[in-house]
Amino acid sequence: MADNNSIPNKGWQVTFAGMGINLALGILYTWSVISKSIPADWGWNESDKSWPYSVACLVFCLIMVPAGRMQDKLGPRVVAAAGGILVGIGFILAGFTTSLLGFVIGFGVFAGAGIGFGYASCTPPAVKWFPAAKTGLIAGIVVSGFGLASVYAAPLTKFLVATYGFTSTMIILGVAFMVVVVGLSFLLIPPPKDFVHTSDTASAAKKTASGKKYDYSATEMLKTPQFYIIWFMYACGAGAGLMIISKLAAIASTQVGISLGFVLVAVLAIGNGGGRVLAGMMSDKFGRKATMFTCFVFQAILIFLISKAHTGNFLGSMVIMAVISALIGANYGSNLALFPSITKDFFGLKNFGINYGLVFTAWGVGGFLLAKLAGSMYVKYQTFDIAYYGASSLLILAALTTLMVKPPKSQSAN
């Protein structure tokens, strides 16, 4: 059995390569800026504009299941490179169409699938290089790239659209992201299969001696109630955040009269990235469930507050909207650090790729349903209020659910 003293540790190389890949793939979170830039003569309403993003979220999460299995079997480099190629193809295809169906196929299906392949390949090899006590921190750093992407991608997209036009922008982004993701994929080097950290050796020996099963297969995980409880909480937490992300630019312009919606998107992205690292660190110290409960309740309050923000009132000012956006981003981002960590805690590391892929389907289903709810309710009522109240209610329910979830009986508590 190899330990971290006998082979060169590439943990930080893999961690920051994964973060870099996610910085490219996180273009998904800039959809509110992309959709706002769609030419008016295309004739798309807010419901239409929800479709490419919603489909991308759904395809992303569904692809995470086979991508996770492929990552476990083939290694992260091949799968991440495939993801970069698919994202590039998707954006280029979207750049050659003006139809809603064409955009759904390009951005929604191809780019969504590519994001799934790339994202599935980043966190598993990184956390395998570090001791269990750093799982939350490392997962948070890797996925922070996805959240931080809009910091550069939102203003970059706006600049490219103004300079080269909308269709050319999609092609430029596609080529750039293909090159970046494929290039960084070669740095995703996993540790040897028998690699065990010195600090984890005693804990592993204790579990073996006690006869407790640590690594769940996907089939075994699906037989536990914990999987479904975790899935539900993830769907609520992620769905609420994705709903706001998908419509933030529209919320800024139609609800509070702020023309610089892309600034709010960038501010939210800073919170999104920072929240992933902070939540990972907090969960390592205070526990996953306590951190989840806090984030769910805080997010419910923030979304309720944004429902009261209107042109001319205190909550509708640029500064307050920026603060609320950053905090919503941070609470949303916490999900992307907490749920891979609790999946590893409860179900083990050996099959982490496929297991987290199954858990991650909650992210896509939640994002798809709540983003579509927001778009549809706005078309019908010219307000996002019903979507706000529905998301806040689900978050409170998710917070209460954290009080019920416990590790599987064959697993020791974390």
Protein backbone atom coordinates (compact mmCIF):
# COMPACT_ATOMS: atom_id res chain seq x y z
CA MET A 1 0.00 0.00 0.00
CA ALA A 2 1.50 3.34 -1.11
CA ASP A 3 1.32 6.39 1.12
CA ASN A 4 2.00 10.06 0.64
CA ASN A 5 5.60 9.67 1.75
CA SER A 6 6.59 7.18 -0.94
CA ILE A 7 5.43 8.89 -4.17
CA PRO A 8 5.41 12.50 -5.44
CA ASN A 9 2.16 14.15 -4.42
CA LYS A 10 0.44 15.89 -7.33
CA GLY A 11 -2.55 16.93 -5.25
CA TRP A 12 -2.25 20.69 -5.70
CA GLN A 13 -1.47 20.36 -9.40
CA VAL A 14 -4.65 18.34 -9.90
CA THR A 15 -6.67 20.64 -7.65
CA PHE A 16 -5.78 23.79 -9.58
CA ALA A 17 -6.04 22.09 -12.98
CA GLY A 18 -9.55 21.03 -11.99
CA MET A 19 -10.31 24.55 -10.84
CA GLY A 20 -9.06 25.89 -14.19
CA ILE A 21 -11.27 23.50 -16.14
CA ASN A 22 -14.24 24.59 -14.06
CA LEU A 23 -13.40 28.24 -14.73
CA ALA A 24 -14.04 27.46 -18.41
CA LEU A 25 -17.06 25.22 -17.91
CA GLY A 26 -18.71 27.77 -15.62
CA ILE A 27 -19.78 29.76 -18.69
CA LEU A 28 -23.11 28.04 -17.95
CA TYR A 29 -23.64 30.52 -15.12
CA THR A 30 -23.40 33.43 -17.54
CA TRP A 31 -26.60 32.38 -19.29
CA SER A 32 -28.56 35.37 -17.99
CA VAL A 33 -26.07 37.65 -19.80
CA ILE A 34 -26.01 35.47 -22.92
CA SER A 35 -29.81 35.25 -23.09
CA LYS A 36 -30.21 39.01 -22.57
CA SER A 37 -27.90 39.52 -25.60
CA ILE A 38 -30.02 37.36 -27.92
CA PRO A 39 -31.17 39.66 -30.76
CA ALA A 40 -34.73 40.94 -30.34
CA ASP A 41 -35.58 40.07 -33.96
CA TRP A 42 -35.25 36.39 -33.08
CA GLY A 43 -38.61 36.76 -31.34
CA TRP A 44 -37.78 34.82 -28.16
CA ASN A 45 -39.72 35.58 -24.95
CA GLU A 46 -38.48 34.87 -21.39
CA SER A 47 -39.96 31.36 -21.45
CA ASP A 48 -38.16 30.58 -24.72
CA LYS A 49 -34.89 31.89 -23.30
CA SER A 50 -35.22 29.49 -20.37
CA TRP A 51 -35.11 26.41 -22.61
CA PRO A 52 -31.42 26.22 -23.67
CA TYR A 53 -30.25 26.86 -20.09
CA SER A 54 -32.77 24.48 -18.54
CA VAL A 55 -31.93 21.72 -21.01
CA ALA A 56 -28.20 22.31 -20.44
CA CYS A 57 -28.68 21.91 -16.68
CA LEU A 58 -30.70 18.73 -17.17
CA VAL A 59 -28.26 17.18 -19.68
CA PHE A 60 -25.32 18.23 -17.50
CA CYS A 61 -26.68 16.35 -14.49
CA LEU A 62 -27.79 13.27 -16.43
CA ILE A 63 -24.41 12.96 -18.16
CA MET A 64 -22.71 13.10 -14.75
CA VAL A 65 -23.83 9.50 -14.13
CA PRO A 66 -22.10 7.82 -17.12
CA ALA A 67 -19.29 10.40 -16.93
CA GLY A 68 -18.70 9.49 -13.29
CA ARG A 69 -18.52 5.81 -14.17
CA MET A 70 -16.15 6.51 -17.05
CA GLN A 71 -13.98 8.64 -14.76
CA ASP A 72 -13.79 5.76 -12.26
CA LYS A 73 -12.90 3.28 -15.03
CA LEU A 74 -10.93 5.24 -17.65
CA GLY A 75 -9.44 8.01 -15.55
CA PRO A 76 -10.15 11.75 -15.51
CA ARG A 77 -7.95 12.91 -18.37
CA VAL A 78 -9.79 11.15 -21.21
CA VAL A 79 -13.22 12.10 -19.87
CA ALA A 80 -12.30 15.76 -19.27
CA ALA A 81 -10.82 16.09 -22.77
CA ALA A 82 -14.01 14.66 -24.27
CA GLY A 83 -15.94 17.23 -22.26
CA GLY A 84 -13.88 20.10 -23.64
CA ILE A 85 -14.46 18.95 -27.21
CA LEU A 86 -18.22 18.66 -26.69
CA VAL A 87 -18.48 22.11 -25.10
CA GLY A 88 -16.60 23.62 -28.02
CA ILE A 89 -18.80 21.86 -30.58
CA GLY A 90 -21.95 22.95 -28.72
CA PHE A 91 -21.03 26.64 -28.68
CA ILE A 92 -19.93 26.58 -32.32
CA LEU A 93 -23.20 24.94 -33.36
CA ALA A 94 -25.14 27.57 -31.40
CA GLY A 95 -23.17 30.22 -33.25
CA PHE A 96 -24.49 28.99 -36.59
CA THR A 97 -28.20 29.08 -35.75
CA THR A 98 -30.91 31.56 -34.86
CA SER A 99 -33.60 28.98 -34.08
CA LEU A 100 -34.63 28.00 -30.58
CA LEU A 101 -34.34 24.29 -31.43
CA GLY A 102 -30.84 24.74 -32.84
CA PHE A 103 -29.75 26.62 -29.75
CA VAL A 104 -31.23 23.98 -27.48
CA ILE A 105 -29.29 21.29 -29.34
CA GLY A 106 -26.03 23.25 -29.43
CA PHE A 107 -25.97 24.94 -26.03
CA GLY A 108 -28.40 22.66 -24.21
CA VAL A 109 -27.43 19.18 -25.40
CA PHE A 110 -23.83 19.33 -26.68
CA ALA A 111 -22.44 21.98 -24.33
CA GLY A 112 -24.49 20.61 -21.43
CA ALA A 113 -23.05 17.14 -22.03
CA GLY A 114 -19.52 18.51 -22.34
CA ILE A 115 -19.86 20.38 -19.06
CA GLY A 116 -21.00 17.15 -17.42
CA PHE A 117 -18.00 15.17 -18.68
CA GLY A 118 -15.56 17.88 -17.66
CA TYR A 119 -17.08 18.59 -14.27
CA ALA A 120 -17.28 14.89 -13.35
CA SER A 121 -13.55 14.53 -13.92
CA CYS A 122 -12.24 17.34 -11.71
CA THR A 123 -13.19 16.65 -8.09
CA PRO A 124 -12.55 12.85 -7.73
CA PRO A 125 -8.82 12.86 -8.61
CA ALA A 126 -8.23 15.95 -6.46
CA VAL A 127 -9.83 14.68 -3.23
CA LYS A 128 -8.06 11.31 -3.60
CA TRP A 129 -4.69 13.03 -3.14
CA PHE A 130 -5.65 14.54 0.25
CA PRO A 131 -6.60 13.20 3.70
CA ALA A 132 -10.27 12.91 4.65
CA ALA A 133 -10.03 15.91 6.97
CA LYS A 134 -9.49 18.15 3.91
CA THR A 135 -12.28 16.77 1.72
CA GLY A 136 -14.53 19.80 2.08
CA LEU A 137 -11.72 22.28 1.48
CA ILE A 138 -10.35 20.55 -1.64
CA ALA A 139 -13.79 19.95 -3.12
CA GLY A 140 -14.59 23.60 -2.46
CA ILE A 141 -11.44 24.86 -4.20
CA VAL A 142 -11.97 22.66 -7.27
CA VAL A 143 -15.60 23.61 -7.78
CA SER A 144 -14.98 27.27 -6.92
CA GLY A 145 -13.72 27.69 -10.48
CA PHE A 146 -17.17 26.89 -11.83
CA GLY A 147 -18.73 29.51 -9.61
CA LEU A 148 -16.10 32.18 -10.24
CA ALA A 149 -16.32 31.83 -14.02
CA SER A 150 -18.89 34.59 -14.41
CA VAL A 151 -16.50 37.12 -12.86
CA TYR A 152 -14.62 37.17 -16.16
CA ALA A 153 -17.15 35.49 -18.45
CA ALA A 154 -20.02 37.95 -17.91
CA PRO A 155 -18.08 41.11 -18.88
CA LEU A 156 -16.13 39.18 -21.53
CA THR A 157 -19.34 37.97 -23.15
CA LYS A 158 -20.82 41.46 -23.07
CA PHE A 159 -17.64 42.89 -24.67
CA LEU A 160 -17.48 40.21 -27.37
CA VAL A 161 -21.15 40.66 -28.27
CA ALA A 162 -20.70 44.44 -28.56
CA THR A 163 -17.53 44.03 -30.63
CA TYR A 164 -18.18 41.01 -32.85
CA GLY A 165 -21.91 40.32 -32.59
CA PHE A 166 -23.81 37.57 -30.86
CA THR A 167 -23.23 34.65 -33.24
CA SER A 168 -19.49 35.28 -33.59
CA THR A 169 -19.20 35.48 -29.80
CA MET A 170 -20.60 31.96 -29.43
CA ILE A 171 -18.04 30.61 -31.92
CA ILE A 172 -15.13 32.45 -30.27
CA LEU A 173 -16.11 31.13 -26.83
CA GLY A 174 -16.49 27.61 -28.18
CA VAL A 175 -13.01 27.49 -29.68
CA ALA A 176 -11.42 29.07 -26.60
CA PHE A 177 -13.04 26.71 -24.11
CA MET A 178 -12.22 23.66 -26.19
CA VAL A 179 -8.52 24.57 -26.17
CA VAL A 180 -8.42 25.40 -22.44
CA VAL A 181 -10.30 22.33 -21.17
CA VAL A 182 -8.48 19.83 -23.38
CA GLY A 183 -5.11 21.37 -22.46
CA LEU A 184 -5.72 21.28 -18.70
CA SER A 185 -7.16 17.76 -18.84
CA PHE A 186 -3.63 16.35 -19.22
CA LEU A 187 -2.79 17.61 -15.71
CA LEU A 188 -5.57 15.58 -14.04
CA ILE A 189 -3.33 12.78 -12.78
CA PRO A 190 -4.97 10.54 -10.15
CA PRO A 191 -2.99 8.81 -7.38
CA PRO A 192 -2.22 5.07 -7.59
CA LYS A 193 -5.19 2.85 -6.77
CA ASP A 194 -3.62 1.69 -3.51
CA PHE A 195 -2.69 5.22 -2.40
CA VAL A 196 -3.60 5.91 1.24
CA HIS A 197 -2.62 8.91 3.31
CA THR A 198 -0.65 8.26 6.46
CA SER A 199 -3.20 10.26 8.43
CA ASP A 200 -6.00 8.05 7.08
CA THR A 201 -4.27 4.70 7.62
CA ALA A 202 -5.28 4.28 11.26
CA SER A 203 -8.89 5.20 10.51
CA ALA A 204 -9.01 2.75 7.59
CA ALA A 205 -7.55 -0.03 9.74
CA LYS A 206 -10.12 0.60 12.44
CA LYS A 207 -12.99 0.36 9.97
CA THR A 208 -11.59 -2.85 8.50
CA ALA A 209 -11.13 -4.39 11.93
CA SER A 210 -14.66 -3.52 12.95
CA GLY A 211 -16.09 -5.09 9.79
CA LYS A 212 -17.80 -1.88 8.70
CA LYS A 213 -18.26 -1.49 4.99
CA TYR A 214 -16.91 1.77 3.70
CA ASP A 215 -17.23 1.82 -0.10
CA TYR A 216 -20.77 1.58 -1.44
CA SER A 217 -21.42 0.57 -5.00
CA ALA A 218 -23.99 2.65 -6.90
CA THR A 219 -26.56 -0.13 -6.52
CA GLU A 220 -26.00 -0.34 -2.77
CA MET A 221 -26.21 3.42 -2.40
CA LEU A 222 -29.54 3.53 -4.24
CA LYS A 223 -30.97 1.11 -1.69
CA THR A 224 -30.34 3.47 1.21
CA PRO A 225 -32.87 6.13 2.31
CA GLN A 226 -29.94 8.50 2.82
CA PHE A 227 -29.44 8.79 -0.93
CA TYR A 228 -33.00 10.04 -1.49
CA ILE A 229 -32.90 12.45 1.43
CA ILE A 230 -29.61 13.91 0.20
CA TRP A 231 -30.99 14.06 -3.36
CA PHE A 232 -34.05 16.03 -2.21
CA MET A 233 -32.00 18.54 -0.24
CA TYR A 234 -29.63 19.04 -3.16
CA ALA A 235 -32.52 19.61 -5.59
CA CYS A 236 -33.98 22.31 -3.34
CA GLY A 237 -30.71 24.09 -2.61
CA ALA A 238 -29.33 23.97 -6.13
CA GLY A 239 -32.65 24.63 -7.85
CA ALA A 240 -33.30 27.82 -5.88
CA GLY A 241 -29.84 29.19 -6.67
CA LEU A 242 -29.97 28.23 -10.35
CA MET A 243 -33.35 29.90 -10.69
CA ILE A 244 -31.90 33.23 -9.55
CA ILE A 245 -28.73 32.78 -11.63
CA SER A 246 -30.72 32.10 -14.80
CA LYS A 247 -32.86 35.23 -14.40
CA LEU A 248 -30.66 37.70 -12.53
CA ALA A 249 -30.03 39.99 -15.49
CA ALA A 250 -33.78 40.03 -16.24
CA ILE A 251 -34.59 40.63 -12.56
CA ALA A 252 -32.20 43.56 -12.54
CA SER A 253 -33.71 45.24 -15.60
CA THR A 254 -37.42 44.47 -15.21
CA GLN A 255 -37.91 44.41 -11.43
CA VAL A 256 -35.47 46.95 -10.02
CA GLY A 257 -34.56 49.00 -13.11
CA ILE A 258 -30.82 48.31 -13.01
CA SER A 259 -29.24 48.39 -16.47
CA LEU A 260 -25.91 46.92 -15.33
CA GLY A 261 -27.27 43.42 -14.72
CA PHE A 262 -24.01 41.85 -15.85
CA VAL A 263 -22.32 43.47 -12.82
CA LEU A 264 -24.74 41.66 -10.51
CA VAL A 265 -23.99 38.42 -12.36
CA ALA A 266 -20.26 38.94 -11.80
CA VAL A 267 -20.79 39.82 -8.11
CA LEU A 268 -22.94 36.72 -7.66
CA ALA A 269 -20.14 34.69 -9.24
CA ILE A 270 -17.63 35.99 -6.70
CA GLY A 271 -19.97 34.89 -3.91
CA ASN A 272 -20.57 31.59 -5.69
CA GLY A 273 -16.89 30.75 -5.88
CA GLY A 274 -16.05 32.02 -2.40
CA GLY A 275 -19.03 30.26 -0.85
CA ARG A 276 -17.81 26.90 -2.11
CA VAL A 277 -14.44 27.24 -0.41
CA LEU A 278 -15.87 28.74 2.79
CA ALA A 279 -18.63 26.14 3.09
CA GLY A 280 -16.12 23.35 2.49
CA MET A 281 -13.91 24.65 5.29
CA MET A 282 -16.86 25.18 7.64
CA SER A 283 -18.20 21.69 7.01
CA ASP A 284 -14.80 20.15 7.74
CA LYS A 285 -14.82 21.95 11.10
CA PHE A 286 -18.49 22.10 12.15
CA GLY A 287 -20.02 19.22 10.20
CA ARG A 288 -21.85 18.90 6.90
CA LYS A 289 -25.40 18.96 8.30
CA ALA A 290 -24.96 22.06 10.47
CA THR A 291 -23.46 23.94 7.54
CA MET A 292 -26.25 22.81 5.20
CA PHE A 293 -28.96 23.89 7.65
CA THR A 294 -27.42 27.34 8.01
CA CYS A 295 -27.04 27.84 4.26
CA PHE A 296 -30.58 26.68 3.44
CA VAL A 297 -32.21 29.02 5.96
CA PHE A 298 -30.04 31.98 4.97
CA GLN A 299 -30.81 31.41 1.29
CA ALA A 300 -34.57 31.31 1.95
CA ILE A 301 -34.33 34.68 3.69
CA LEU A 302 -32.27 36.20 0.87
CA ILE A 303 -34.67 35.08 -1.87
CA PHE A 304 -37.58 36.45 0.13
CA LEU A 305 -35.73 39.79 0.38
CA ILE A 306 -35.07 39.93 -3.36
CA SER A 307 -38.80 39.43 -3.93
CA LYS A 308 -39.32 42.76 -2.12
CA ALA A 309 -36.70 44.64 -4.15
CA HIS A 310 -38.23 47.13 -6.58
CA THR A 311 -37.27 50.30 -8.40
CA GLY A 312 -36.86 53.15 -5.96
CA ASN A 313 -36.90 51.24 -2.66
CA PHE A 314 -33.97 50.45 -0.37
CA LEU A 315 -33.66 46.80 -1.40
CA GLY A 316 -33.71 47.77 -5.07
CA SER A 317 -30.61 49.96 -4.91
CA MET A 318 -27.53 48.82 -6.81
CA VAL A 319 -25.42 48.40 -3.67
CA ILE A 320 -28.01 46.34 -1.78
CA MET A 321 -28.79 44.23 -4.83
CA ALA A 322 -25.08 43.55 -5.23
CA VAL A 323 -24.80 42.43 -1.60
CA ILE A 324 -27.88 40.20 -1.89
CA SER A 325 -26.61 38.75 -5.18
CA ALA A 326 -23.21 37.93 -3.68
CA LEU A 327 -24.78 36.23 -0.66
CA ILE A 328 -27.23 34.26 -2.82
CA GLY A 329 -24.24 33.15 -4.88
CA ALA A 330 -22.34 32.10 -1.76
CA ASN A 331 -25.22 30.06 -0.37
CA TYR A 332 -25.86 28.43 -3.72
CA GLY A 333 -22.17 27.67 -4.15
CA SER A 334 -22.06 25.96 -0.77
CA ASN A 335 -24.16 23.13 -2.24
CA LEU A 336 -21.43 22.29 -4.73
CA ALA A 337 -18.91 21.76 -1.93
CA LEU A 338 -21.19 20.20 0.69
CA PHE A 339 -22.90 17.53 -1.39
CA PRO A 340 -19.80 15.90 -2.93
CA SER A 341 -18.30 15.91 0.57
CA ILE A 342 -21.29 14.25 2.23
CA THR A 343 -21.48 11.75 -0.64
CA LYS A 344 -17.88 10.75 0.04
CA ASP A 345 -18.52 10.68 3.82
CA PHE A 346 -21.58 8.47 3.58
CA PHE A 347 -20.78 6.21 0.62
CA GLY A 348 -16.98 6.10 0.32
CA LEU A 349 -14.33 7.09 -2.20
CA LYS A 350 -13.85 4.01 -4.38
CA ASN A 351 -17.00 4.60 -6.46
CA PHE A 352 -17.21 8.32 -5.79
CA GLY A 353 -17.44 9.27 -9.48
CA ILE A 354 -20.58 7.28 -10.26
CA ASN A 355 -22.10 7.79 -6.80
CA TYR A 356 -21.78 11.56 -6.92
CA GLY A 357 -22.99 11.49 -10.51
CA LEU A 358 -26.24 9.96 -9.28
CA VAL A 359 -26.52 12.45 -6.42
CA PHE A 360 -25.78 15.28 -8.86
CA THR A 361 -28.89 14.52 -10.91
CA ALA A 362 -30.68 16.49 -8.18
CA TRP A 363 -28.81 19.60 -9.27
CA GLY A 364 -30.10 19.32 -12.83
CA VAL A 365 -33.66 18.39 -11.96
CA GLY A 366 -33.92 21.21 -9.41
CA GLY A 367 -32.38 23.74 -11.79
CA PHE A 368 -34.54 22.64 -14.71
CA LEU A 369 -37.82 22.81 -12.81
CA LEU A 370 -37.26 26.07 -10.93
CA ALA A 371 -35.69 27.91 -13.87
CA LYS A 372 -38.65 26.93 -16.04
CA LEU A 373 -41.03 27.91 -13.23
CA ALA A 374 -39.50 31.38 -13.06
CA GLY A 375 -39.70 31.91 -16.82
CA SER A 376 -43.24 30.57 -17.14
CA MET A 377 -44.59 32.54 -14.17
CA TYR A 378 -43.09 35.75 -15.51
CA VAL A 379 -44.68 35.26 -18.92
CA LYS A 380 -48.05 34.59 -17.27
CA TYR A 381 -48.04 37.17 -14.45
CA GLN A 382 -45.22 39.60 -15.39
CA THR A 383 -43.60 38.94 -12.01
CA PHE A 384 -41.23 36.39 -10.47
CA ASP A 385 -43.01 36.47 -7.08
CA ILE A 386 -44.54 32.98 -7.24
CA ALA A 387 -41.14 31.50 -8.13
CA TYR A 388 -39.49 33.40 -5.25
CA TYR A 389 -41.99 32.18 -2.65
CA GLY A 390 -41.91 28.62 -3.96
CA ALA A 391 -38.11 28.48 -3.83
CA SER A 392 -38.00 29.94 -0.30
CA SER A 393 -40.52 27.37 0.92
CA LEU A 394 -38.51 24.50 -0.56
CA LEU A 395 -35.35 25.80 1.11
CA ILE A 396 -37.01 25.84 4.53
CA LEU A 397 -38.22 22.28 3.95
CA ALA A 398 -34.69 21.24 2.96
CA ALA A 399 -33.32 22.84 6.13
CA LEU A 400 -35.74 20.82 8.24
CA THR A 401 -34.76 17.69 6.32
CA THR A 402 -31.13 18.07 7.42
CA LEU A 403 -32.33 17.21 10.93
CA MET A 404 -33.40 13.76 9.69
CA VAL A 405 -30.39 12.58 7.67
CA LYS A 406 -27.87 10.27 9.35
CA PRO A 407 -25.01 8.17 7.93
CA PRO A 408 -25.94 4.67 6.69
CA LYS A 409 -25.91 2.09 9.47
CA SER A 410 -22.93 0.29 7.99
CA GLN A 411 -21.01 3.57 7.93
CA SER A 412 -19.50 5.37 10.88
CA ALA A 413 -20.71 8.91 11.48
CA ASN A 414 -18.67 11.84 10.27
